[in-house]
Amino acid sequence: MTERDILRIAVQAADDKKAENIVALNMKGISLVADYFMICHGHSDKQVQAIAREIKEKAEEHGVVVKRVEGFDEARWILVDLGDVVVHVFHKEDREYYNLERLWGDAPLERIESDLGA
């Protein structure tokens, strides 16, 4: 399974739980941590947790090793480490505050439109 396949699984899982403004940053050559960062948000603690849980469960169903999940109990910024793909699930206000898209502004956006609503 490629890192792009893992990204697709994460995008579709987030979309299934109605995550908002899902974006993927291509971090190849920019970060040594991962090839892709996926960023999305929810509007409540429960939705943020549901999004992260769905991503974790779908990844495991496809044989992807989930290295760690951080921030689940607080549900403000949950990080799901899928190895080559790191997923950031924010509460809306926290996403606006941390603004990872601006922080990693030199990273090109990955086209994920075809992965949404699938």
PDB file of N, CA and C in Angstrom:
ATOM      1  N   MET A   1       0.846  -1.179   0.000  1.00  0.00           N
ATOM      2  CA  MET A   1       0.000   0.000   0.000  1.00  0.00           C
ATOM      3  C   MET A   1       0.893   1.245   0.000  1.00  0.00           C
ATOM      4  N   THR A   2       0.583   2.179  -0.874  1.00  0.00           N
ATOM      5  CA  THR A   2       1.374   3.399  -0.969  1.00  0.00           C
ATOM      6  C   THR A   2       0.888   4.442   0.033  1.00  0.00           C
ATOM      7  N   GLU A   3       1.712   5.460   0.230  1.00  0.00           N
ATOM      8  CA  GLU A   3       1.302   6.557   1.115  1.00  0.00           C
ATOM      9  C   GLU A   3       0.079   7.284   0.553  1.00  0.00           C
ATOM     10  N   ARG A   4      -0.058   7.317  -0.758  1.00  0.00           N
ATOM     11  CA  ARG A   4      -1.235   7.955  -1.373  1.00  0.00           C
ATOM     12  C   ARG A   4      -2.495   7.138  -1.084  1.00  0.00           C
ATOM     13  N   ASP A   5      -2.365   5.802  -1.031  1.00  0.00           N
ATOM     14  CA  ASP A   5      -3.495   4.947  -0.653  1.00  0.00           C
ATOM     15  C   ASP A   5      -3.905   5.210   0.792  1.00  0.00           C
ATOM     16  N   ILE A   6      -2.921   5.371   1.664  1.00  0.00           N
ATOM     17  CA  ILE A   6      -3.207   5.662   3.073  1.00  0.00           C
ATOM     18  C   ILE A   6      -3.910   7.010   3.194  1.00  0.00           C
ATOM     19  N   LEU A   7      -3.442   7.992   2.441  1.00  0.00           N
ATOM     20  CA  LEU A   7      -4.087   9.304   2.437  1.00  0.00           C
ATOM     21  C   LEU A   7      -5.539   9.182   1.986  1.00  0.00           C
ATOM     22  N   ARG A   8      -5.790   8.426   0.943  1.00  0.00           N
ATOM     23  CA  ARG A   8      -7.152   8.243   0.433  1.00  0.00           C
ATOM     24  C   ARG A   8      -8.067   7.640   1.507  1.00  0.00           C
ATOM     25  N   ILE A   9      -7.570   6.644   2.227  1.00  0.00           N
ATOM     26  CA  ILE A   9      -8.342   6.026   3.306  1.00  0.00           C
ATOM     27  C   ILE A   9      -8.695   7.063   4.366  1.00  0.00           C
ATOM     28  N   ALA A  10      -7.717   7.878   4.755  1.00  0.00           N
ATOM     29  CA  ALA A  10      -7.946   8.902   5.783  1.00  0.00           C
ATOM     30  C   ALA A  10      -8.934   9.958   5.312  1.00  0.00           C
ATOM     31  N   VAL A  11      -8.790  10.401   4.070  1.00  0.00           N
ATOM     32  CA  VAL A  11      -9.695  11.417   3.517  1.00  0.00           C
ATOM     33  C   VAL A  11     -11.126  10.888   3.487  1.00  0.00           C
ATOM     34  N   GLN A  12     -11.301   9.678   3.004  1.00  0.00           N
ATOM     35  CA  GLN A  12     -12.645   9.105   2.902  1.00  0.00           C
ATOM     36  C   GLN A  12     -13.262   8.881   4.281  1.00  0.00           C
ATOM     37  N   ALA A  13     -12.454   8.449   5.249  1.00  0.00           N
ATOM     38  CA  ALA A  13     -12.967   8.243   6.607  1.00  0.00           C
ATOM     39  C   ALA A  13     -13.408   9.572   7.225  1.00  0.00           C
ATOM     40  N   ALA A  14     -12.602  10.610   7.042  1.00  0.00           N
ATOM     41  CA  ALA A  14     -12.968  11.930   7.573  1.00  0.00           C
ATOM     42  C   ALA A  14     -14.233  12.443   6.896  1.00  0.00           C
ATOM     43  N   ASP A  15     -14.307  12.268   5.594  1.00  0.00           N
ATOM     44  CA  ASP A  15     -15.480  12.707   4.836  1.00  0.00           C
ATOM     45  C   ASP A  15     -16.731  11.963   5.300  1.00  0.00           C
ATOM     46  N   ASP A  16     -16.603  10.692   5.610  1.00  0.00           N
ATOM     47  CA  ASP A  16     -17.743   9.897   6.094  1.00  0.00           C
ATOM     48  C   ASP A  16     -18.317  10.456   7.390  1.00  0.00           C
ATOM     49  N   LYS A  17     -17.480  11.086   8.198  1.00  0.00           N
ATOM     50  CA  LYS A  17     -17.929  11.662   9.475  1.00  0.00           C
ATOM     51  C   LYS A  17     -18.164  13.166   9.374  1.00  0.00           C
ATOM     52  N   LYS A  18     -18.308  13.645   8.133  1.00  0.00           N
ATOM     53  CA  LYS A  18     -18.669  15.047   7.865  1.00  0.00           C
ATOM     54  C   LYS A  18     -17.616  16.039   8.342  1.00  0.00           C
ATOM     55  N   ALA A  19     -16.347  15.661   8.234  1.00  0.00           N
ATOM     56  CA  ALA A  19     -15.275  16.604   8.543  1.00  0.00           C
ATOM     57  C   ALA A  19     -15.356  17.771   7.567  1.00  0.00           C
ATOM     58  N   GLU A  20     -14.981  18.934   8.030  1.00  0.00           N
ATOM     59  CA  GLU A  20     -15.042  20.151   7.228  1.00  0.00           C
ATOM     60  C   GLU A  20     -13.666  20.503   6.674  1.00  0.00           C
ATOM     61  N   ASN A  21     -13.668  21.118   5.492  1.00  0.00           N
ATOM     62  CA  ASN A  21     -12.474  21.688   4.876  1.00  0.00           C
ATOM     63  C   ASN A  21     -11.276  20.736   4.937  1.00  0.00           C
ATOM     64  N   ILE A  22     -11.444  19.559   4.369  1.00  0.00           N
ATOM     65  CA  ILE A  22     -10.374  18.562   4.346  1.00  0.00           C
ATOM     66  C   ILE A  22      -9.332  18.984   3.310  1.00  0.00           C
ATOM     67  N   VAL A  23      -8.092  19.104   3.748  1.00  0.00           N
ATOM     68  CA  VAL A  23      -7.000  19.417   2.835  1.00  0.00           C
ATOM     69  C   VAL A  23      -5.850  18.456   3.099  1.00  0.00           C
ATOM     70  N   ALA A  24      -5.065  18.236   2.072  1.00  0.00           N
ATOM     71  CA  ALA A  24      -3.867  17.403   2.204  1.00  0.00           C
ATOM     72  C   ALA A  24      -2.685  18.186   1.674  1.00  0.00           C
ATOM     73  N   LEU A  25      -1.644  18.256   2.474  1.00  0.00           N
ATOM     74  CA  LEU A  25      -0.417  18.936   2.080  1.00  0.00           C
ATOM     75  C   LEU A  25       0.623  17.885   1.707  1.00  0.00           C
ATOM     76  N   ASN A  26       1.246  18.065   0.563  1.00  0.00           N
ATOM     77  CA  ASN A  26       2.299  17.171   0.118  1.00  0.00           C
ATOM     78  C   ASN A  26       3.598  17.628   0.781  1.00  0.00           C
ATOM     79  N   MET A  27       4.062  16.858   1.735  1.00  0.00           N
ATOM     80  CA  MET A  27       5.213  17.244   2.547  1.00  0.00           C
ATOM     81  C   MET A  27       6.524  16.623   2.062  1.00  0.00           C
ATOM     82  N   LYS A  28       6.480  15.943   0.916  1.00  0.00           N
ATOM     83  CA  LYS A  28       7.694  15.307   0.390  1.00  0.00           C
ATOM     84  C   LYS A  28       8.753  16.369   0.119  1.00  0.00           C
ATOM     85  N   GLY A  29       9.940  16.161   0.664  1.00  0.00           N
ATOM     86  CA  GLY A  29      11.028  17.112   0.487  1.00  0.00           C
ATOM     87  C   GLY A  29      10.947  18.320   1.407  1.00  0.00           C
ATOM     88  N   ILE A  30       9.899  18.397   2.229  1.00  0.00           N
ATOM     89  CA  ILE A  30       9.710  19.535   3.138  1.00  0.00           C
ATOM     90  C   ILE A  30       9.859  19.085   4.585  1.00  0.00           C
ATOM     91  N   SER A  31       9.278  17.932   4.900  1.00  0.00           N
ATOM     92  CA  SER A  31       9.302  17.407   6.256  1.00  0.00           C
ATOM     93  C   SER A  31       9.839  15.985   6.244  1.00  0.00           C
ATOM     94  N   LEU A  32      10.631  15.675   7.236  1.00  0.00           N
ATOM     95  CA  LEU A  32      11.115  14.309   7.388  1.00  0.00           C
ATOM     96  C   LEU A  32      10.115  13.451   8.158  1.00  0.00           C
ATOM     97  N   VAL A  33       9.092  14.084   8.727  1.00  0.00           N
ATOM     98  CA  VAL A  33       8.119  13.391   9.561  1.00  0.00           C
ATOM     99  C   VAL A  33       7.168  12.534   8.736  1.00  0.00           C
ATOM    100  N   ALA A  34       6.674  13.071   7.618  1.00  0.00           N
ATOM    101  CA  ALA A  34       5.671  12.357   6.830  1.00  0.00           C
ATOM    102  C   ALA A  34       5.672  12.876   5.391  1.00  0.00           C
ATOM    103  N   ASP A  35       5.088  12.071   4.500  1.00  0.00           N
ATOM    104  CA  ASP A  35       4.938  12.489   3.105  1.00  0.00           C
ATOM    105  C   ASP A  35       3.706  13.374   2.914  1.00  0.00           C
ATOM    106  N   TYR A  36       2.681  13.157   3.750  1.00  0.00           N
ATOM    107  CA  TYR A  36       1.450  13.947   3.653  1.00  0.00           C
ATOM    108  C   TYR A  36       0.973  14.344   5.039  1.00  0.00           C
ATOM    109  N   PHE A  37       0.467  15.554   5.142  1.00  0.00           N
ATOM    110  CA  PHE A  37      -0.301  15.998   6.293  1.00  0.00           C
ATOM    111  C   PHE A  37      -1.732  16.169   5.806  1.00  0.00           C
ATOM    112  N   MET A  38      -2.665  15.553   6.469  1.00  0.00           N
ATOM    113  CA  MET A  38      -4.074  15.796   6.179  1.00  0.00           C
ATOM    114  C   MET A  38      -4.627  16.614   7.333  1.00  0.00           C
ATOM    115  N   ILE A  39      -5.382  17.645   7.004  1.00  0.00           N
ATOM    116  CA  ILE A  39      -5.931  18.549   8.012  1.00  0.00           C
ATOM    117  C   ILE A  39      -7.430  18.679   7.773  1.00  0.00           C
ATOM    118  N   CYS A  40      -8.191  18.609   8.858  1.00  0.00           N
ATOM    119  CA  CYS A  40      -9.645  18.809   8.769  1.00  0.00           C
ATOM    120  C   CYS A  40     -10.134  19.281  10.131  1.00  0.00           C
ATOM    121  N   HIS A  41     -11.409  19.603  10.208  1.00  0.00           N
ATOM    122  CA  HIS A  41     -11.959  19.994  11.503  1.00  0.00           C
ATOM    123  C   HIS A  41     -13.406  19.561  11.652  1.00  0.00           C
ATOM    124  N   GLY A  42     -13.829  19.548  12.918  1.00  0.00           N
ATOM    125  CA  GLY A  42     -15.214  19.294  13.280  1.00  0.00           C
ATOM    126  C   GLY A  42     -15.708  20.439  14.129  1.00  0.00           C
ATOM    127  N   HIS A  43     -16.989  20.399  14.452  1.00  0.00           N
ATOM    128  CA  HIS A  43     -17.610  21.519  15.166  1.00  0.00           C
ATOM    129  C   HIS A  43     -17.912  21.239  16.626  1.00  0.00           C
ATOM    130  N   SER A  44     -17.635  20.034  17.099  1.00  0.00           N
ATOM    131  CA  SER A  44     -17.863  19.703  18.506  1.00  0.00           C
ATOM    132  C   SER A  44     -16.824  18.672  18.930  1.00  0.00           C
ATOM    133  N   ASP A  45     -16.650  18.547  20.244  1.00  0.00           N
ATOM    134  CA  ASP A  45     -15.710  17.551  20.755  1.00  0.00           C
ATOM    135  C   ASP A  45     -16.080  16.153  20.260  1.00  0.00           C
ATOM    136  N   LYS A  46     -17.360  15.840  20.320  1.00  0.00           N
ATOM    137  CA  LYS A  46     -17.808  14.507  19.894  1.00  0.00           C
ATOM    138  C   LYS A  46     -17.541  14.264  18.415  1.00  0.00           C
ATOM    139  N   GLN A  47     -17.758  15.272  17.571  1.00  0.00           N
ATOM    140  CA  GLN A  47     -17.504  15.091  16.144  1.00  0.00           C
ATOM    141  C   GLN A  47     -16.007  14.937  15.879  1.00  0.00           C
ATOM    142  N   VAL A  48     -15.192  15.735  16.542  1.00  0.00           N
ATOM    143  CA  VAL A  48     -13.743  15.642  16.369  1.00  0.00           C
ATOM    144  C   VAL A  48     -13.273  14.236  16.750  1.00  0.00           C
ATOM    145  N   GLN A  49     -13.767  13.720  17.861  1.00  0.00           N
ATOM    146  CA  GLN A  49     -13.407  12.364  18.280  1.00  0.00           C
ATOM    147  C   GLN A  49     -13.927  11.320  17.291  1.00  0.00           C
ATOM    148  N   ALA A  50     -15.136  11.508  16.794  1.00  0.00           N
ATOM    149  CA  ALA A  50     -15.704  10.549  15.832  1.00  0.00           C
ATOM    150  C   ALA A  50     -14.881  10.509  14.543  1.00  0.00           C
ATOM    151  N   ILE A  51     -14.431  11.657  14.086  1.00  0.00           N
ATOM    152  CA  ILE A  51     -13.605  11.720  12.875  1.00  0.00           C
ATOM    153  C   ILE A  51     -12.299  10.950  13.100  1.00  0.00           C
ATOM    154  N   ALA A  52     -11.622  11.249  14.209  1.00  0.00           N
ATOM    155  CA  ALA A  52     -10.346  10.587  14.502  1.00  0.00           C
ATOM    156  C   ALA A  52     -10.535   9.080  14.677  1.00  0.00           C
ATOM    157  N   ARG A  53     -11.592   8.691  15.362  1.00  0.00           N
ATOM    158  CA  ARG A  53     -11.873   7.261  15.577  1.00  0.00           C
ATOM    159  C   ARG A  53     -12.101   6.552  14.251  1.00  0.00           C
ATOM    160  N   GLU A  54     -12.865   7.174  13.370  1.00  0.00           N
ATOM    161  CA  GLU A  54     -13.156   6.574  12.066  1.00  0.00           C
ATOM    162  C   GLU A  54     -11.876   6.428  11.233  1.00  0.00           C
ATOM    163  N   ILE A  55     -11.023   7.426  11.261  1.00  0.00           N
ATOM    164  CA  ILE A  55      -9.755   7.352  10.527  1.00  0.00           C
ATOM    165  C   ILE A  55      -8.921   6.194  11.065  1.00  0.00           C
ATOM    166  N   LYS A  56      -8.813   6.098  12.372  1.00  0.00           N
ATOM    167  CA  LYS A  56      -8.038   5.019  13.003  1.00  0.00           C
ATOM    168  C   LYS A  56      -8.611   3.658  12.625  1.00  0.00           C
ATOM    169  N   GLU A  57      -9.926   3.502  12.749  1.00  0.00           N
ATOM    170  CA  GLU A  57     -10.560   2.216  12.469  1.00  0.00           C
ATOM    171  C   GLU A  57     -10.433   1.819  11.007  1.00  0.00           C
ATOM    172  N   LYS A  58     -10.653   2.742  10.091  1.00  0.00           N
ATOM    173  CA  LYS A  58     -10.558   2.434   8.657  1.00  0.00           C
ATOM    174  C   LYS A  58      -9.112   2.096   8.282  1.00  0.00           C
ATOM    175  N   ALA A  59      -8.161   2.809   8.850  1.00  0.00           N
ATOM    176  CA  ALA A  59      -6.758   2.509   8.574  1.00  0.00           C
ATOM    177  C   ALA A  59      -6.434   1.090   9.030  1.00  0.00           C
ATOM    178  N   GLU A  60      -6.839   0.744  10.239  1.00  0.00           N
ATOM    179  CA  GLU A  60      -6.561  -0.597  10.761  1.00  0.00           C
ATOM    180  C   GLU A  60      -7.250  -1.676   9.928  1.00  0.00           C
ATOM    181  N   GLU A  61      -8.473  -1.405   9.471  1.00  0.00           N
ATOM    182  CA  GLU A  61      -9.184  -2.365   8.613  1.00  0.00           C
ATOM    183  C   GLU A  61      -8.404  -2.661   7.336  1.00  0.00           C
ATOM    184  N   HIS A  62      -7.651  -1.677   6.868  1.00  0.00           N
ATOM    185  CA  HIS A  62      -6.869  -1.836   5.638  1.00  0.00           C
ATOM    186  C   HIS A  62      -5.430  -2.274   5.915  1.00  0.00           C
ATOM    187  N   GLY A  63      -5.134  -2.640   7.150  1.00  0.00           N
ATOM    188  CA  GLY A  63      -3.810  -3.129   7.490  1.00  0.00           C
ATOM    189  C   GLY A  63      -2.757  -2.058   7.716  1.00  0.00           C
ATOM    190  N   VAL A  64      -3.197  -0.817   7.862  1.00  0.00           N
ATOM    191  CA  VAL A  64      -2.262   0.276   8.124  1.00  0.00           C
ATOM    192  C   VAL A  64      -1.980   0.320   9.627  1.00  0.00           C
ATOM    193  N   VAL A  65      -0.715   0.366   9.976  1.00  0.00           N
ATOM    194  CA  VAL A  65      -0.336   0.447  11.381  1.00  0.00           C
ATOM    195  C   VAL A  65      -0.537   1.882  11.859  1.00  0.00           C
ATOM    196  N   VAL A  66      -1.356   2.039  12.896  1.00  0.00           N
ATOM    197  CA  VAL A  66      -1.555   3.348  13.518  1.00  0.00           C
ATOM    198  C   VAL A  66      -0.491   3.476  14.595  1.00  0.00           C
ATOM    199  N   LYS A  67       0.487   4.347  14.354  1.00  0.00           N
ATOM    200  CA  LYS A  67       1.626   4.455  15.265  1.00  0.00           C
ATOM    201  C   LYS A  67       1.235   5.074  16.596  1.00  0.00           C
ATOM    202  N   ARG A  68       0.380   6.093  16.542  1.00  0.00           N
ATOM    203  CA  ARG A  68      -0.117   6.695  17.782  1.00  0.00           C
ATOM    204  C   ARG A  68      -1.260   7.646  17.486  1.00  0.00           C
ATOM    205  N   VAL A  69      -2.035   7.895  18.529  1.00  0.00           N
ATOM    206  CA  VAL A  69      -3.102   8.893  18.491  1.00  0.00           C
ATOM    207  C   VAL A  69      -2.883   9.778  19.716  1.00  0.00           C
ATOM    208  N   GLU A  70      -2.806  11.073  19.484  1.00  0.00           N
ATOM    209  CA  GLU A  70      -2.589  12.007  20.592  1.00  0.00           C
ATOM    210  C   GLU A  70      -3.706  13.038  20.635  1.00  0.00           C
ATOM    211  N   GLY A  71      -4.087  13.442  21.845  1.00  0.00           N
ATOM    212  CA  GLY A  71      -5.066  14.503  22.026  1.00  0.00           C
ATOM    213  C   GLY A  71      -6.513  14.050  21.966  1.00  0.00           C
ATOM    214  N   PHE A  72      -6.758  12.741  21.986  1.00  0.00           N
ATOM    215  CA  PHE A  72      -8.121  12.243  21.798  1.00  0.00           C
ATOM    216  C   PHE A  72      -9.061  12.706  22.917  1.00  0.00           C
ATOM    217  N   ASP A  73      -8.622  12.603  24.163  1.00  0.00           N
ATOM    218  CA  ASP A  73      -9.504  12.952  25.283  1.00  0.00           C
ATOM    219  C   ASP A  73      -9.872  14.435  25.296  1.00  0.00           C
ATOM    220  N   GLU A  74      -8.919  15.297  24.933  1.00  0.00           N
ATOM    221  CA  GLU A  74      -9.194  16.727  24.929  1.00  0.00           C
ATOM    222  C   GLU A  74     -10.051  17.132  23.734  1.00  0.00           C
ATOM    223  N   ALA A  75      -9.881  16.433  22.612  1.00  0.00           N
ATOM    224  CA  ALA A  75     -10.682  16.631  21.394  1.00  0.00           C
ATOM    225  C   ALA A  75     -10.597  18.056  20.842  1.00  0.00           C
ATOM    226  N   ARG A  76      -9.450  18.685  20.989  1.00  0.00           N
ATOM    227  CA  ARG A  76      -9.252  20.015  20.408  1.00  0.00           C
ATOM    228  C   ARG A  76      -8.357  19.925  19.172  1.00  0.00           C
ATOM    229  N   TRP A  77      -7.334  19.060  19.258  1.00  0.00           N
ATOM    230  CA  TRP A  77      -6.422  18.815  18.150  1.00  0.00           C
ATOM    231  C   TRP A  77      -5.963  17.375  18.313  1.00  0.00           C
ATOM    232  N   ILE A  78      -6.525  16.502  17.524  1.00  0.00           N
ATOM    233  CA  ILE A  78      -6.155  15.091  17.600  1.00  0.00           C
ATOM    234  C   ILE A  78      -5.210  14.790  16.446  1.00  0.00           C
ATOM    235  N   LEU A  79      -4.075  14.189  16.790  1.00  0.00           N
ATOM    236  CA  LEU A  79      -3.098  13.788  15.789  1.00  0.00           C
ATOM    237  C   LEU A  79      -3.181  12.269  15.645  1.00  0.00           C
ATOM    238  N   VAL A  80      -3.364  11.807  14.414  1.00  0.00           N
ATOM    239  CA  VAL A  80      -3.384  10.378  14.123  1.00  0.00           C
ATOM    240  C   VAL A  80      -2.182  10.094  13.221  1.00  0.00           C
ATOM    241  N   ASP A  81      -1.206   9.373  13.760  1.00  0.00           N
ATOM    242  CA  ASP A  81       0.037   9.088  13.038  1.00  0.00           C
ATOM    243  C   ASP A  81      -0.103   7.762  12.300  1.00  0.00           C
ATOM    244  N   LEU A  82      -0.198   7.854  10.978  1.00  0.00           N
ATOM    245  CA  LEU A  82      -0.309   6.675  10.129  1.00  0.00           C
ATOM    246  C   LEU A  82       1.006   6.405   9.395  1.00  0.00           C
ATOM    247  N   GLY A  83       2.094   6.867   9.956  1.00  0.00           N
ATOM    248  CA  GLY A  83       3.402   6.667   9.333  1.00  0.00           C
ATOM    249  C   GLY A  83       3.682   7.741   8.309  1.00  0.00           C
ATOM    250  N   ASP A  84       3.539   7.405   7.037  1.00  0.00           N
ATOM    251  CA  ASP A  84       3.807   8.365   5.961  1.00  0.00           C
ATOM    252  C   ASP A  84       2.729   9.437   5.842  1.00  0.00           C
ATOM    253  N   VAL A  85       1.632   9.249   6.547  1.00  0.00           N
ATOM    254  CA  VAL A  85       0.543  10.227   6.564  1.00  0.00           C
ATOM    255  C   VAL A  85       0.245  10.585   8.014  1.00  0.00           C
ATOM    256  N   VAL A  86       0.297  11.872   8.322  1.00  0.00           N
ATOM    257  CA  VAL A  86      -0.062  12.344   9.652  1.00  0.00           C
ATOM    258  C   VAL A  86      -1.338  13.168   9.511  1.00  0.00           C
ATOM    259  N   VAL A  87      -2.351  12.774  10.270  1.00  0.00           N
ATOM    260  CA  VAL A  87      -3.663  13.421  10.193  1.00  0.00           C
ATOM    261  C   VAL A  87      -3.847  14.332  11.398  1.00  0.00           C
ATOM    262  N   HIS A  88      -4.292  15.566  11.127  1.00  0.00           N
ATOM    263  CA  HIS A  88      -4.583  16.555  12.166  1.00  0.00           C
ATOM    264  C   HIS A  88      -6.083  16.817  12.125  1.00  0.00           C
ATOM    265  N   VAL A  89      -6.780  16.412  13.191  1.00  0.00           N
ATOM    266  CA  VAL A  89      -8.220  16.644  13.283  1.00  0.00           C
ATOM    267  C   VAL A  89      -8.428  17.696  14.366  1.00  0.00           C
ATOM    268  N   PHE A  90      -8.869  18.861  13.942  1.00  0.00           N
ATOM    269  CA  PHE A  90      -9.023  19.995  14.849  1.00  0.00           C
ATOM    270  C   PHE A  90     -10.482  20.254  15.208  1.00  0.00           C
ATOM    271  N   HIS A  91     -10.668  20.899  16.335  1.00  0.00           N
ATOM    272  CA  HIS A  91     -11.904  21.616  16.631  1.00  0.00           C
ATOM    273  C   HIS A  91     -11.785  22.911  15.829  1.00  0.00           C
ATOM    274  N   LYS A  92     -12.862  23.408  15.275  1.00  0.00           N
ATOM    275  CA  LYS A  92     -12.812  24.533  14.331  1.00  0.00           C
ATOM    276  C   LYS A  92     -11.981  25.719  14.845  1.00  0.00           C
ATOM    277  N   GLU A  93     -12.225  26.139  16.085  1.00  0.00           N
ATOM    278  CA  GLU A  93     -11.530  27.311  16.608  1.00  0.00           C
ATOM    279  C   GLU A  93     -10.027  27.066  16.723  1.00  0.00           C
ATOM    280  N   ASP A  94      -9.649  25.868  17.101  1.00  0.00           N
ATOM    281  CA  ASP A  94      -8.232  25.549  17.237  1.00  0.00           C
ATOM    282  C   ASP A  94      -7.543  25.481  15.873  1.00  0.00           C
ATOM    283  N   ARG A  95      -8.258  25.016  14.872  1.00  0.00           N
ATOM    284  CA  ARG A  95      -7.680  25.000  13.528  1.00  0.00           C
ATOM    285  C   ARG A  95      -7.375  26.420  13.060  1.00  0.00           C
ATOM    286  N   GLU A  96      -8.314  27.319  13.304  1.00  0.00           N
ATOM    287  CA  GLU A  96      -8.099  28.715  12.914  1.00  0.00           C
ATOM    288  C   GLU A  96      -6.919  29.312  13.678  1.00  0.00           C
ATOM    289  N   TYR A  97      -6.785  28.957  14.939  1.00  0.00           N
ATOM    290  CA  TYR A  97      -5.707  29.502  15.763  1.00  0.00           C
ATOM    291  C   TYR A  97      -4.334  29.000  15.302  1.00  0.00           C
ATOM    292  N   TYR A  98      -4.197  27.695  15.121  1.00  0.00           N
ATOM    293  CA  TYR A  98      -2.888  27.123  14.772  1.00  0.00           C
ATOM    294  C   TYR A  98      -2.550  27.281  13.292  1.00  0.00           C
ATOM    295  N   ASN A  99      -3.543  27.312  12.438  1.00  0.00           N
ATOM    296  CA  ASN A  99      -3.383  27.596  11.012  1.00  0.00           C
ATOM    297  C   ASN A  99      -2.183  26.876  10.380  1.00  0.00           C
ATOM    298  N   LEU A 100      -2.206  25.546  10.442  1.00  0.00           N
ATOM    299  CA  LEU A 100      -1.105  24.753   9.894  1.00  0.00           C
ATOM    300  C   LEU A 100      -0.904  24.976   8.400  1.00  0.00           C
ATOM    301  N   GLU A 101      -1.982  25.287   7.695  1.00  0.00           N
ATOM    302  CA  GLU A 101      -1.857  25.543   6.263  1.00  0.00           C
ATOM    303  C   GLU A 101      -0.927  26.717   5.985  1.00  0.00           C
ATOM    304  N   ARG A 102      -1.000  27.736   6.818  1.00  0.00           N
ATOM    305  CA  ARG A 102      -0.112  28.891   6.662  1.00  0.00           C
ATOM    306  C   ARG A 102       1.292  28.540   7.142  1.00  0.00           C
ATOM    307  N   LEU A 103       1.371  27.832   8.269  1.00  0.00           N
ATOM    308  CA  LEU A 103       2.666  27.430   8.818  1.00  0.00           C
ATOM    309  C   LEU A 103       3.472  26.616   7.800  1.00  0.00           C
ATOM    310  N   TRP A 104       2.783  25.728   7.077  1.00  0.00           N
ATOM    311  CA  TRP A 104       3.414  24.894   6.054  1.00  0.00           C
ATOM    312  C   TRP A 104       3.040  25.405   4.669  1.00  0.00           C
ATOM    313  N   GLY A 105       3.035  26.719   4.503  1.00  0.00           N
ATOM    314  CA  GLY A 105       2.598  27.351   3.262  1.00  0.00           C
ATOM    315  C   GLY A 105       3.417  26.984   2.040  1.00  0.00           C
ATOM    316  N   ASP A 106       4.645  26.500   2.234  1.00  0.00           N
ATOM    317  CA  ASP A 106       5.466  26.100   1.093  1.00  0.00           C
ATOM    318  C   ASP A 106       5.130  24.698   0.599  1.00  0.00           C
ATOM    319  N   ALA A 107       4.273  23.995   1.317  1.00  0.00           N
ATOM    320  CA  ALA A 107       3.874  22.640   0.902  1.00  0.00           C
ATOM    321  C   ALA A 107       2.723  22.729  -0.101  1.00  0.00           C
ATOM    322  N   PRO A 108       2.866  22.076  -1.247  1.00  0.00           N
ATOM    323  CA  PRO A 108       1.768  22.106  -2.225  1.00  0.00           C
ATOM    324  C   PRO A 108       0.561  21.307  -1.749  1.00  0.00           C
ATOM    325  N   LEU A 109      -0.612  21.772  -2.135  1.00  0.00           N
ATOM    326  CA  LEU A 109      -1.843  21.035  -1.833  1.00  0.00           C
ATOM    327  C   LEU A 109      -1.919  19.805  -2.734  1.00  0.00           C
ATOM    328  N   GLU A 110      -2.319  18.700  -2.145  1.00  0.00           N
ATOM    329  CA  GLU A 110      -2.537  17.468  -2.903  1.00  0.00           C
ATOM    330  C   GLU A 110      -3.996  17.451  -3.350  1.00  0.00           C
ATOM    331  N   ARG A 111      -4.231  17.068  -4.574  1.00  0.00           N
ATOM    332  CA  ARG A 111      -5.602  16.998  -5.074  1.00  0.00           C
ATOM    333  C   ARG A 111      -6.307  15.787  -4.461  1.00  0.00           C
ATOM    334  N   ILE A 112      -7.401  16.046  -3.736  1.00  0.00           N
ATOM    335  CA  ILE A 112      -8.123  14.960  -3.073  1.00  0.00           C
ATOM    336  C   ILE A 112      -9.597  14.938  -3.459  1.00  0.00           C
ATOM    337  N   GLU A 113      -9.991  15.813  -4.393  1.00  0.00           N
ATOM    338  CA  GLU A 113     -11.406  15.920  -4.754  1.00  0.00           C
ATOM    339  C   GLU A 113     -12.004  14.562  -5.125  1.00  0.00           C
ATOM    340  N   SER A 114     -11.245  13.745  -5.846  1.00  0.00           N
ATOM    341  CA  SER A 114     -11.774  12.456  -6.295  1.00  0.00           C
ATOM    342  C   SER A 114     -11.949  11.476  -5.133  1.00  0.00           C
ATOM    343  N   ASP A 115     -11.315  11.754  -3.990  1.00  0.00           N
ATOM    344  CA  ASP A 115     -11.438  10.884  -2.830  1.00  0.00           C
ATOM    345  C   ASP A 115     -12.649  11.252  -1.974  1.00  0.00           C
ATOM    346  N   LEU A 116     -13.216  12.402  -2.191  1.00  0.00           N
ATOM    347  CA  LEU A 116     -14.345  12.860  -1.393  1.00  0.00           C
ATOM    348  C   LEU A 116     -15.655  12.321  -1.940  1.00  0.00           C
ATOM    349  N   GLY A 117     -16.538  11.972  -1.029  1.00  0.00           N
ATOM    350  CA  GLY A 117     -17.857  11.489  -1.448  1.00  0.00           C
ATOM    351  C   GLY A 117     -17.818  10.156  -2.151  1.00  0.00           C
ATOM    352  N   ALA A 118     -16.707   9.425  -2.003  1.00  0.00           N
ATOM    353  CA  ALA A 118     -16.577   8.126  -2.670  1.00  0.00           C
ATOM    354  C   ALA A 118     -17.195   7.018  -1.854  1.00  0.00           C
TER     355      ALA A 118
END
